[in-house]
Amino acid sequence: MKKYFAVIILIFVSTFVFAQVKHTITKSSVTFQIKNMGITINGSIGGTKGEIQFDPAHLDASEMDVSVETNTVNTENDTRDDHLKSDSYFDAAKYPRITIRSVSFKHNSGNNYTGKFNLTIKDKTNPVELPFTYTETGNTGSFKGTLKIKRSDYGIGGKSLILSNDVTILVDVTTGK
């Protein structure tokens, strides 16, 4: 009886482990858009690192834990970038990373998914939904999605009549398996 129980446990554990497909981030682009005085400002944040285990056939076992470096914010304006790195905005010295950790995934249709995540910026964590597409070509996976947040939810900048509270974040990550 003990042998059969051990075999069943071993099969269950090995199935669970092999169901997870670990992805290594090979290329990434995290960009953002925000309106300032009615003009759309575009920027990017680099230094993407993290763990991605995603398998469309086993969404319940899939997970993502990815971060970017706040000190890499780039809007192609050094004065503005320094201001964004200051304690009024990202406070890059105190909070060097922005993280997003998955809670769950849902398959919508075709290559379309929605992930529920916890997004942490400046030590403030809020739940967000990130609709994304996932495509596979050989050993390469591609994740593309767009997320909208309110900067005030994370203590980024103060109240402003000229700077929008709405920020659009575009994510494009390529992985190898």
N, C-alpha and C. Protein backbone atom coordinates (compact mmCIF):
# COMPACT_ATOMS: atom_id res chain seq x y z
N MET A 1 0.82 -1.20 0.00
CA MET A 1 0.00 0.00 0.00
C MET A 1 0.86 1.25 0.00
N LYS A 2 1.92 1.25 0.83
CA LYS A 2 2.80 2.41 0.90
C LYS A 2 3.50 2.64 -0.43
N LYS A 3 3.86 1.55 -1.12
CA LYS A 3 4.53 1.67 -2.42
C LYS A 3 3.62 2.37 -3.42
N TYR A 4 2.36 1.96 -3.46
CA TYR A 4 1.42 2.56 -4.41
C TYR A 4 1.19 4.03 -4.11
N PHE A 5 1.08 4.34 -2.85
CA PHE A 5 0.90 5.73 -2.44
C PHE A 5 2.11 6.57 -2.86
N ALA A 6 3.30 6.04 -2.64
CA ALA A 6 4.53 6.76 -3.02
C ALA A 6 4.61 6.95 -4.52
N VAL A 7 4.22 5.93 -5.28
CA VAL A 7 4.24 6.03 -6.75
C VAL A 7 3.24 7.09 -7.21
N ILE A 8 2.06 7.10 -6.63
CA ILE A 8 1.04 8.09 -7.00
C ILE A 8 1.54 9.51 -6.68
N ILE A 9 2.13 9.69 -5.53
CA ILE A 9 2.67 11.01 -5.15
C ILE A 9 3.78 11.40 -6.12
N LEU A 10 4.67 10.49 -6.45
CA LEU A 10 5.76 10.78 -7.39
C LEU A 10 5.22 11.18 -8.75
N ILE A 11 4.22 10.48 -9.25
CA ILE A 11 3.63 10.82 -10.55
C ILE A 11 2.99 12.21 -10.48
N PHE A 12 2.26 12.49 -9.40
CA PHE A 12 1.61 13.79 -9.26
C PHE A 12 2.65 14.92 -9.22
N VAL A 13 3.69 14.77 -8.43
CA VAL A 13 4.72 15.80 -8.29
C VAL A 13 5.44 16.00 -9.62
N SER A 14 5.82 14.91 -10.30
CA SER A 14 6.55 15.06 -11.56
C SER A 14 5.67 15.68 -12.63
N THR A 15 4.38 15.37 -12.65
CA THR A 15 3.47 16.00 -13.61
C THR A 15 3.37 17.49 -13.33
N PHE A 16 3.25 17.86 -12.07
CA PHE A 16 3.15 19.27 -11.71
C PHE A 16 4.42 20.03 -12.09
N VAL A 17 5.57 19.48 -11.79
CA VAL A 17 6.85 20.14 -12.08
C VAL A 17 7.05 20.29 -13.58
N PHE A 18 6.77 19.24 -14.34
CA PHE A 18 7.01 19.31 -15.79
C PHE A 18 5.94 20.13 -16.50
N ALA A 19 4.81 20.37 -15.87
CA ALA A 19 3.77 21.19 -16.48
C ALA A 19 4.19 22.65 -16.53
N GLN A 20 5.08 23.04 -15.65
CA GLN A 20 5.54 24.42 -15.65
C GLN A 20 6.64 24.59 -16.69
N VAL A 21 6.48 25.57 -17.56
CA VAL A 21 7.47 25.85 -18.58
C VAL A 21 8.21 27.11 -18.16
N LYS A 22 9.48 26.97 -17.81
CA LYS A 22 10.26 28.12 -17.38
C LYS A 22 10.76 28.89 -18.59
N HIS A 23 10.55 30.18 -18.55
CA HIS A 23 10.97 31.07 -19.63
C HIS A 23 12.12 31.95 -19.12
N THR A 24 13.12 32.14 -19.95
CA THR A 24 14.22 33.04 -19.65
C THR A 24 14.01 34.30 -20.48
N ILE A 25 14.01 35.45 -19.83
CA ILE A 25 13.81 36.72 -20.54
C ILE A 25 15.04 37.00 -21.40
N THR A 26 14.83 37.12 -22.70
CA THR A 26 15.93 37.38 -23.63
C THR A 26 15.90 38.81 -24.17
N LYS A 27 14.72 39.42 -24.16
CA LYS A 27 14.57 40.79 -24.66
C LYS A 27 13.30 41.36 -24.04
N SER A 28 13.35 42.65 -23.70
CA SER A 28 12.15 43.26 -23.13
C SER A 28 12.09 44.75 -23.45
N SER A 29 10.87 45.23 -23.48
CA SER A 29 10.61 46.65 -23.66
C SER A 29 9.43 47.00 -22.75
N VAL A 30 9.68 47.90 -21.81
CA VAL A 30 8.63 48.41 -20.94
C VAL A 30 8.59 49.91 -21.17
N THR A 31 7.52 50.37 -21.78
CA THR A 31 7.39 51.79 -22.09
C THR A 31 6.13 52.34 -21.42
N PHE A 32 6.08 53.65 -21.30
CA PHE A 32 4.91 54.28 -20.70
C PHE A 32 4.56 55.56 -21.44
N GLN A 33 3.30 55.95 -21.28
CA GLN A 33 2.79 57.19 -21.86
C GLN A 33 1.97 57.91 -20.80
N ILE A 34 2.19 59.23 -20.73
CA ILE A 34 1.43 60.07 -19.81
C ILE A 34 1.29 61.45 -20.44
N LYS A 35 0.17 62.10 -20.20
CA LYS A 35 -0.03 63.44 -20.74
C LYS A 35 0.46 64.47 -19.73
N ASN A 36 1.24 65.43 -20.22
CA ASN A 36 1.74 66.54 -19.42
C ASN A 36 1.44 67.81 -20.21
N MET A 37 0.61 68.66 -19.65
CA MET A 37 0.16 69.89 -20.33
C MET A 37 -0.49 69.54 -21.67
N GLY A 38 -1.21 68.42 -21.72
CA GLY A 38 -1.92 68.01 -22.91
C GLY A 38 -1.06 67.32 -23.96
N ILE A 39 0.23 67.22 -23.71
CA ILE A 39 1.16 66.59 -24.65
C ILE A 39 1.51 65.21 -24.12
N THR A 40 1.47 64.20 -25.00
CA THR A 40 1.83 62.85 -24.58
C THR A 40 3.33 62.73 -24.47
N ILE A 41 3.77 62.32 -23.28
CA ILE A 41 5.19 62.07 -23.01
C ILE A 41 5.39 60.56 -23.03
N ASN A 42 6.37 60.12 -23.79
CA ASN A 42 6.71 58.70 -23.86
C ASN A 42 8.01 58.47 -23.11
N GLY A 43 8.11 57.31 -22.49
CA GLY A 43 9.33 56.96 -21.78
C GLY A 43 9.48 55.46 -21.71
N SER A 44 10.62 55.05 -21.18
CA SER A 44 10.88 53.63 -21.01
C SER A 44 11.57 53.38 -19.68
N ILE A 45 11.48 52.14 -19.24
CA ILE A 45 12.17 51.70 -18.03
C ILE A 45 12.81 50.37 -18.36
N GLY A 46 14.09 50.22 -18.02
CA GLY A 46 14.83 49.00 -18.37
C GLY A 46 15.20 48.18 -17.16
N GLY A 47 16.18 47.33 -17.37
CA GLY A 47 16.68 46.47 -16.30
C GLY A 47 15.71 45.38 -15.93
N THR A 48 14.98 44.84 -16.90
CA THR A 48 14.00 43.80 -16.63
C THR A 48 14.68 42.52 -16.16
N LYS A 49 14.19 42.00 -15.04
CA LYS A 49 14.67 40.74 -14.48
C LYS A 49 13.48 39.99 -13.93
N GLY A 50 13.60 38.69 -13.86
CA GLY A 50 12.53 37.96 -13.22
C GLY A 50 12.41 36.53 -13.63
N GLU A 51 11.39 35.91 -13.06
CA GLU A 51 11.06 34.51 -13.31
C GLU A 51 9.70 34.44 -13.98
N ILE A 52 9.66 33.73 -15.09
CA ILE A 52 8.40 33.50 -15.78
C ILE A 52 8.26 32.00 -15.98
N GLN A 53 7.19 31.45 -15.44
CA GLN A 53 6.83 30.05 -15.68
C GLN A 53 5.41 30.09 -16.20
N PHE A 54 5.29 29.93 -17.52
CA PHE A 54 3.97 30.08 -18.15
C PHE A 54 3.72 28.93 -19.09
N ASP A 55 2.58 28.29 -18.90
CA ASP A 55 2.15 27.20 -19.76
C ASP A 55 0.66 27.38 -20.00
N PRO A 56 0.27 27.70 -21.25
CA PRO A 56 -1.15 27.91 -21.53
C PRO A 56 -2.03 26.71 -21.17
N ALA A 57 -1.47 25.51 -21.18
CA ALA A 57 -2.24 24.32 -20.84
C ALA A 57 -2.38 24.13 -19.33
N HIS A 58 -1.59 24.85 -18.56
CA HIS A 58 -1.62 24.72 -17.10
C HIS A 58 -1.53 26.11 -16.46
N LEU A 59 -2.53 26.92 -16.69
CA LEU A 59 -2.51 28.30 -16.18
C LEU A 59 -2.48 28.35 -14.66
N ASP A 60 -3.09 27.37 -14.00
CA ASP A 60 -3.11 27.37 -12.54
C ASP A 60 -1.71 27.16 -11.95
N ALA A 61 -0.80 26.56 -12.70
CA ALA A 61 0.58 26.36 -12.23
C ALA A 61 1.53 27.43 -12.76
N SER A 62 1.02 28.33 -13.58
CA SER A 62 1.85 29.39 -14.17
C SER A 62 2.04 30.52 -13.19
N GLU A 63 3.21 31.18 -13.28
CA GLU A 63 3.46 32.34 -12.42
C GLU A 63 4.52 33.24 -13.05
N MET A 64 4.43 34.50 -12.68
CA MET A 64 5.39 35.51 -13.14
C MET A 64 5.77 36.39 -11.96
N ASP A 65 7.04 36.70 -11.88
CA ASP A 65 7.57 37.61 -10.87
C ASP A 65 8.68 38.39 -11.57
N VAL A 66 8.35 39.59 -12.03
CA VAL A 66 9.25 40.37 -12.89
C VAL A 66 9.40 41.76 -12.32
N SER A 67 10.59 42.36 -12.52
CA SER A 67 10.81 43.72 -12.05
C SER A 67 11.64 44.52 -13.05
N VAL A 68 11.57 45.84 -12.91
CA VAL A 68 12.39 46.77 -13.69
C VAL A 68 13.08 47.72 -12.72
N GLU A 69 14.16 48.37 -13.18
CA GLU A 69 14.94 49.29 -12.34
C GLU A 69 14.45 50.72 -12.53
N THR A 70 14.04 51.36 -11.44
CA THR A 70 13.54 52.73 -11.52
C THR A 70 14.62 53.71 -11.96
N ASN A 71 15.87 53.40 -11.70
CA ASN A 71 16.96 54.31 -12.06
C ASN A 71 17.20 54.35 -13.58
N THR A 72 16.53 53.49 -14.33
CA THR A 72 16.72 53.46 -15.78
C THR A 72 15.65 54.25 -16.53
N VAL A 73 14.75 54.94 -15.81
CA VAL A 73 13.69 55.69 -16.48
C VAL A 73 14.31 56.64 -17.50
N ASN A 74 13.73 56.65 -18.71
CA ASN A 74 14.29 57.45 -19.80
C ASN A 74 13.16 58.04 -20.63
N THR A 75 13.10 59.38 -20.65
CA THR A 75 12.13 60.10 -21.48
C THR A 75 12.83 60.95 -22.53
N GLU A 76 14.12 60.71 -22.70
CA GLU A 76 14.97 61.46 -23.63
C GLU A 76 15.07 62.94 -23.26
N ASN A 77 14.96 63.21 -21.95
CA ASN A 77 15.14 64.54 -21.41
C ASN A 77 15.80 64.36 -20.04
N ASP A 78 17.10 64.62 -19.96
CA ASP A 78 17.86 64.34 -18.73
C ASP A 78 17.31 65.06 -17.51
N THR A 79 16.88 66.31 -17.66
CA THR A 79 16.33 67.06 -16.54
C THR A 79 15.06 66.39 -16.03
N ARG A 80 14.17 66.02 -16.94
CA ARG A 80 12.92 65.35 -16.55
C ARG A 80 13.23 63.98 -15.94
N ASP A 81 14.18 63.25 -16.53
CA ASP A 81 14.53 61.92 -16.00
C ASP A 81 15.06 62.02 -14.58
N ASP A 82 15.93 63.00 -14.31
CA ASP A 82 16.44 63.19 -12.94
C ASP A 82 15.30 63.52 -11.98
N HIS A 83 14.33 64.33 -12.44
CA HIS A 83 13.18 64.67 -11.62
C HIS A 83 12.34 63.42 -11.33
N LEU A 84 12.15 62.57 -12.34
CA LEU A 84 11.37 61.34 -12.15
C LEU A 84 12.06 60.37 -11.19
N LYS A 85 13.38 60.40 -11.15
CA LYS A 85 14.13 59.53 -10.24
C LYS A 85 14.14 60.06 -8.81
N SER A 86 13.75 61.32 -8.62
CA SER A 86 13.79 61.95 -7.30
C SER A 86 12.70 61.38 -6.39
N ASP A 87 12.75 61.79 -5.10
CA ASP A 87 11.77 61.28 -4.13
C ASP A 87 10.35 61.77 -4.40
N SER A 88 10.17 62.78 -5.24
CA SER A 88 8.82 63.24 -5.59
C SER A 88 8.10 62.25 -6.50
N TYR A 89 8.87 61.46 -7.23
CA TYR A 89 8.27 60.53 -8.18
C TYR A 89 8.66 59.09 -7.81
N PHE A 90 9.63 58.49 -8.46
CA PHE A 90 9.97 57.09 -8.21
C PHE A 90 10.86 56.87 -6.99
N ASP A 91 11.57 57.89 -6.53
CA ASP A 91 12.50 57.77 -5.41
C ASP A 91 13.42 56.57 -5.62
N ALA A 92 14.15 56.62 -6.76
CA ALA A 92 14.98 55.50 -7.20
C ALA A 92 16.03 55.09 -6.18
N ALA A 93 16.52 56.02 -5.38
CA ALA A 93 17.53 55.67 -4.37
C ALA A 93 16.94 54.77 -3.29
N LYS A 94 15.71 55.03 -2.89
CA LYS A 94 15.07 54.26 -1.83
C LYS A 94 14.31 53.03 -2.36
N TYR A 95 13.73 53.16 -3.56
CA TYR A 95 12.94 52.08 -4.16
C TYR A 95 13.51 51.77 -5.55
N PRO A 96 14.55 50.95 -5.61
CA PRO A 96 15.25 50.73 -6.87
C PRO A 96 14.50 49.88 -7.90
N ARG A 97 13.45 49.18 -7.49
CA ARG A 97 12.76 48.30 -8.44
C ARG A 97 11.24 48.46 -8.36
N ILE A 98 10.60 48.26 -9.49
CA ILE A 98 9.15 48.15 -9.60
C ILE A 98 8.89 46.68 -9.90
N THR A 99 8.00 46.04 -9.15
CA THR A 99 7.75 44.61 -9.36
C THR A 99 6.30 44.33 -9.69
N ILE A 100 6.12 43.26 -10.43
CA ILE A 100 4.78 42.77 -10.75
C ILE A 100 4.81 41.25 -10.55
N ARG A 101 3.88 40.78 -9.70
CA ARG A 101 3.81 39.35 -9.36
C ARG A 101 2.41 38.83 -9.68
N SER A 102 2.38 37.71 -10.36
CA SER A 102 1.10 37.15 -10.76
C SER A 102 0.33 36.58 -9.58
N VAL A 103 -0.98 36.65 -9.71
CA VAL A 103 -1.90 36.04 -8.77
C VAL A 103 -2.64 34.90 -9.48
N SER A 104 -3.11 35.18 -10.72
CA SER A 104 -3.81 34.16 -11.50
C SER A 104 -3.84 34.58 -12.97
N PHE A 105 -4.18 33.59 -13.81
CA PHE A 105 -4.30 33.83 -15.25
C PHE A 105 -5.61 33.26 -15.75
N LYS A 106 -6.12 33.89 -16.80
CA LYS A 106 -7.35 33.42 -17.43
C LYS A 106 -7.14 33.44 -18.94
N HIS A 107 -7.56 32.38 -19.61
CA HIS A 107 -7.51 32.33 -21.08
C HIS A 107 -8.78 32.96 -21.61
N ASN A 108 -8.65 33.94 -22.50
CA ASN A 108 -9.82 34.60 -23.07
C ASN A 108 -10.23 33.91 -24.37
N SER A 109 -9.37 33.98 -25.38
CA SER A 109 -9.61 33.30 -26.65
C SER A 109 -8.33 33.37 -27.46
N GLY A 110 -8.11 32.38 -28.31
CA GLY A 110 -6.92 32.39 -29.15
C GLY A 110 -5.66 32.55 -28.33
N ASN A 111 -4.86 33.59 -28.64
CA ASN A 111 -3.62 33.89 -27.92
C ASN A 111 -3.82 34.96 -26.85
N ASN A 112 -5.05 35.24 -26.51
CA ASN A 112 -5.37 36.32 -25.57
C ASN A 112 -5.63 35.80 -24.16
N TYR A 113 -4.95 36.44 -23.21
CA TYR A 113 -5.04 36.07 -21.80
C TYR A 113 -5.22 37.32 -20.96
N THR A 114 -5.65 37.13 -19.73
CA THR A 114 -5.68 38.21 -18.75
C THR A 114 -5.00 37.68 -17.50
N GLY A 115 -4.07 38.47 -17.01
CA GLY A 115 -3.40 38.11 -15.76
C GLY A 115 -3.81 39.06 -14.66
N LYS A 116 -4.04 38.51 -13.48
CA LYS A 116 -4.24 39.33 -12.29
C LYS A 116 -2.89 39.36 -11.58
N PHE A 117 -2.43 40.56 -11.26
CA PHE A 117 -1.11 40.75 -10.69
C PHE A 117 -1.17 41.68 -9.49
N ASN A 118 -0.13 41.64 -8.69
CA ASN A 118 0.12 42.65 -7.67
C ASN A 118 1.28 43.49 -8.17
N LEU A 119 1.02 44.77 -8.37
CA LEU A 119 2.03 45.72 -8.86
C LEU A 119 2.51 46.55 -7.68
N THR A 120 3.85 46.56 -7.48
CA THR A 120 4.44 47.32 -6.37
C THR A 120 5.35 48.40 -6.91
N ILE A 121 5.01 49.63 -6.55
CA ILE A 121 5.82 50.81 -6.89
C ILE A 121 5.95 51.61 -5.60
N LYS A 122 7.18 51.96 -5.24
CA LYS A 122 7.44 52.75 -4.03
C LYS A 122 6.80 52.12 -2.79
N ASP A 123 6.91 50.83 -2.65
CA ASP A 123 6.42 50.11 -1.48
C ASP A 123 4.90 50.15 -1.34
N LYS A 124 4.20 50.51 -2.42
CA LYS A 124 2.73 50.48 -2.43
C LYS A 124 2.32 49.40 -3.43
N THR A 125 1.53 48.44 -2.97
CA THR A 125 1.11 47.32 -3.81
C THR A 125 -0.39 47.40 -4.05
N ASN A 126 -0.77 47.29 -5.32
CA ASN A 126 -2.17 47.30 -5.71
C ASN A 126 -2.43 46.18 -6.71
N PRO A 127 -3.64 45.60 -6.67
CA PRO A 127 -3.98 44.59 -7.68
C PRO A 127 -4.27 45.27 -9.02
N VAL A 128 -3.80 44.64 -10.11
CA VAL A 128 -4.06 45.15 -11.45
C VAL A 128 -4.39 43.97 -12.36
N GLU A 129 -5.10 44.26 -13.44
CA GLU A 129 -5.35 43.26 -14.47
C GLU A 129 -4.57 43.68 -15.71
N LEU A 130 -3.87 42.72 -16.29
CA LEU A 130 -3.06 42.97 -17.47
C LEU A 130 -3.50 42.03 -18.59
N PRO A 131 -4.27 42.54 -19.56
CA PRO A 131 -4.58 41.72 -20.72
C PRO A 131 -3.32 41.60 -21.59
N PHE A 132 -3.03 40.40 -22.08
CA PHE A 132 -1.84 40.23 -22.90
C PHE A 132 -2.04 39.12 -23.92
N THR A 133 -1.18 39.14 -24.93
CA THR A 133 -1.14 38.04 -25.88
C THR A 133 0.11 37.23 -25.61
N TYR A 134 0.00 35.95 -25.85
CA TYR A 134 1.16 35.06 -25.73
C TYR A 134 1.23 34.21 -26.99
N THR A 135 2.37 34.26 -27.66
CA THR A 135 2.58 33.43 -28.84
C THR A 135 3.90 32.69 -28.70
N GLU A 136 3.94 31.50 -29.26
CA GLU A 136 5.14 30.68 -29.27
C GLU A 136 5.59 30.45 -30.70
N THR A 137 6.89 30.56 -30.91
CA THR A 137 7.50 30.20 -32.18
C THR A 137 8.75 29.40 -31.83
N GLY A 138 8.70 28.10 -32.05
CA GLY A 138 9.82 27.25 -31.67
C GLY A 138 10.05 27.31 -30.17
N ASN A 139 11.26 27.71 -29.77
CA ASN A 139 11.60 27.83 -28.35
C ASN A 139 11.49 29.26 -27.85
N THR A 140 10.80 30.10 -28.58
CA THR A 140 10.65 31.51 -28.21
C THR A 140 9.20 31.81 -27.85
N GLY A 141 9.03 32.53 -26.76
CA GLY A 141 7.71 32.98 -26.35
C GLY A 141 7.65 34.49 -26.39
N SER A 142 6.50 35.02 -26.74
CA SER A 142 6.33 36.47 -26.82
C SER A 142 5.10 36.88 -26.02
N PHE A 143 5.31 37.78 -25.05
CA PHE A 143 4.25 38.33 -24.22
C PHE A 143 4.11 39.81 -24.56
N LYS A 144 2.90 40.25 -24.91
CA LYS A 144 2.66 41.67 -25.21
C LYS A 144 1.36 42.09 -24.53
N GLY A 145 1.42 43.19 -23.79
CA GLY A 145 0.23 43.65 -23.10
C GLY A 145 0.27 45.13 -22.79
N THR A 146 -0.89 45.65 -22.44
CA THR A 146 -1.03 47.06 -22.09
C THR A 146 -1.79 47.16 -20.78
N LEU A 147 -1.27 47.99 -19.89
CA LEU A 147 -1.80 48.15 -18.55
C LEU A 147 -2.03 49.63 -18.30
N LYS A 148 -3.15 49.98 -17.69
CA LYS A 148 -3.41 51.37 -17.31
C LYS A 148 -3.48 51.46 -15.80
N ILE A 149 -2.74 52.43 -15.25
CA ILE A 149 -2.74 52.65 -13.80
C ILE A 149 -2.94 54.13 -13.51
N LYS A 150 -3.20 54.43 -12.25
CA LYS A 150 -3.26 55.81 -11.77
C LYS A 150 -2.01 56.03 -10.94
N ARG A 151 -1.23 57.04 -11.30
CA ARG A 151 0.04 57.28 -10.61
C ARG A 151 -0.17 57.62 -9.14
N SER A 152 -1.31 58.25 -8.82
CA SER A 152 -1.59 58.61 -7.43
C SER A 152 -1.76 57.37 -6.54
N ASP A 153 -2.16 56.23 -7.12
CA ASP A 153 -2.31 55.00 -6.35
C ASP A 153 -0.97 54.51 -5.79
N TYR A 154 0.13 55.02 -6.35
CA TYR A 154 1.47 54.59 -5.95
C TYR A 154 2.31 55.73 -5.39
N GLY A 155 1.69 56.88 -5.15
CA GLY A 155 2.42 58.00 -4.58
C GLY A 155 3.46 58.59 -5.53
N ILE A 156 3.18 58.52 -6.83
CA ILE A 156 4.11 59.04 -7.83
C ILE A 156 3.66 60.46 -8.19
N GLY A 157 4.45 61.45 -7.77
CA GLY A 157 4.08 62.84 -8.03
C GLY A 157 2.91 63.23 -7.14
N GLY A 158 2.69 64.50 -7.02
CA GLY A 158 1.57 64.98 -6.21
C GLY A 158 0.39 65.31 -7.09
N LYS A 159 -0.54 66.04 -6.52
CA LYS A 159 -1.69 66.50 -7.30
C LYS A 159 -1.21 67.53 -8.30
N SER A 160 -1.77 67.45 -9.50
CA SER A 160 -1.32 68.35 -10.55
C SER A 160 -2.47 68.65 -11.51
N LEU A 161 -2.56 69.90 -11.92
CA LEU A 161 -3.55 70.27 -12.93
C LEU A 161 -3.02 70.05 -14.34
N ILE A 162 -1.70 69.90 -14.48
CA ILE A 162 -1.12 69.76 -15.81
C ILE A 162 -0.62 68.35 -16.13
N LEU A 163 -0.39 67.53 -15.11
CA LEU A 163 0.09 66.17 -15.32
C LEU A 163 -1.05 65.19 -15.08
N SER A 164 -1.35 64.39 -16.08
CA SER A 164 -2.43 63.42 -15.97
C SER A 164 -2.15 62.41 -14.86
N ASN A 165 -3.21 61.90 -14.27
CA ASN A 165 -3.09 60.86 -13.26
C ASN A 165 -3.04 59.48 -13.93
N ASP A 166 -3.48 59.41 -15.19
CA ASP A 166 -3.54 58.14 -15.91
C ASP A 166 -2.24 57.87 -16.66
N VAL A 167 -1.72 56.67 -16.46
CA VAL A 167 -0.48 56.24 -17.11
C VAL A 167 -0.77 54.95 -17.86
N THR A 168 -0.34 54.88 -19.12
CA THR A 168 -0.46 53.67 -19.91
C THR A 168 0.91 53.02 -19.98
N ILE A 169 0.99 51.73 -19.65
CA ILE A 169 2.25 51.00 -19.67
C ILE A 169 2.13 49.89 -20.72
N LEU A 170 3.11 49.85 -21.62
CA LEU A 170 3.13 48.82 -22.65
C LEU A 170 4.29 47.87 -22.38
N VAL A 171 4.00 46.58 -22.39
CA VAL A 171 5.00 45.57 -22.07
C VAL A 171 5.17 44.65 -23.27
N ASP A 172 6.42 44.40 -23.64
CA ASP A 172 6.76 43.51 -24.74
C ASP A 172 7.97 42.69 -24.30
N VAL A 173 7.74 41.42 -23.98
CA VAL A 173 8.81 40.57 -23.46
C VAL A 173 8.96 39.35 -24.35
N THR A 174 10.20 39.07 -24.74
CA THR A 174 10.52 37.87 -25.49
C THR A 174 11.31 36.95 -24.58
N THR A 175 10.95 35.67 -24.62
CA THR A 175 11.61 34.69 -23.76
C THR A 175 12.08 33.49 -24.56
N GLY A 176 13.03 32.81 -24.00
CA GLY A 176 13.47 31.52 -24.52
C GLY A 176 13.14 30.45 -23.52
N LYS A 177 12.86 29.24 -24.01
CA LYS A 177 12.51 28.14 -23.10
C LYS A 177 13.66 27.17 -23.03
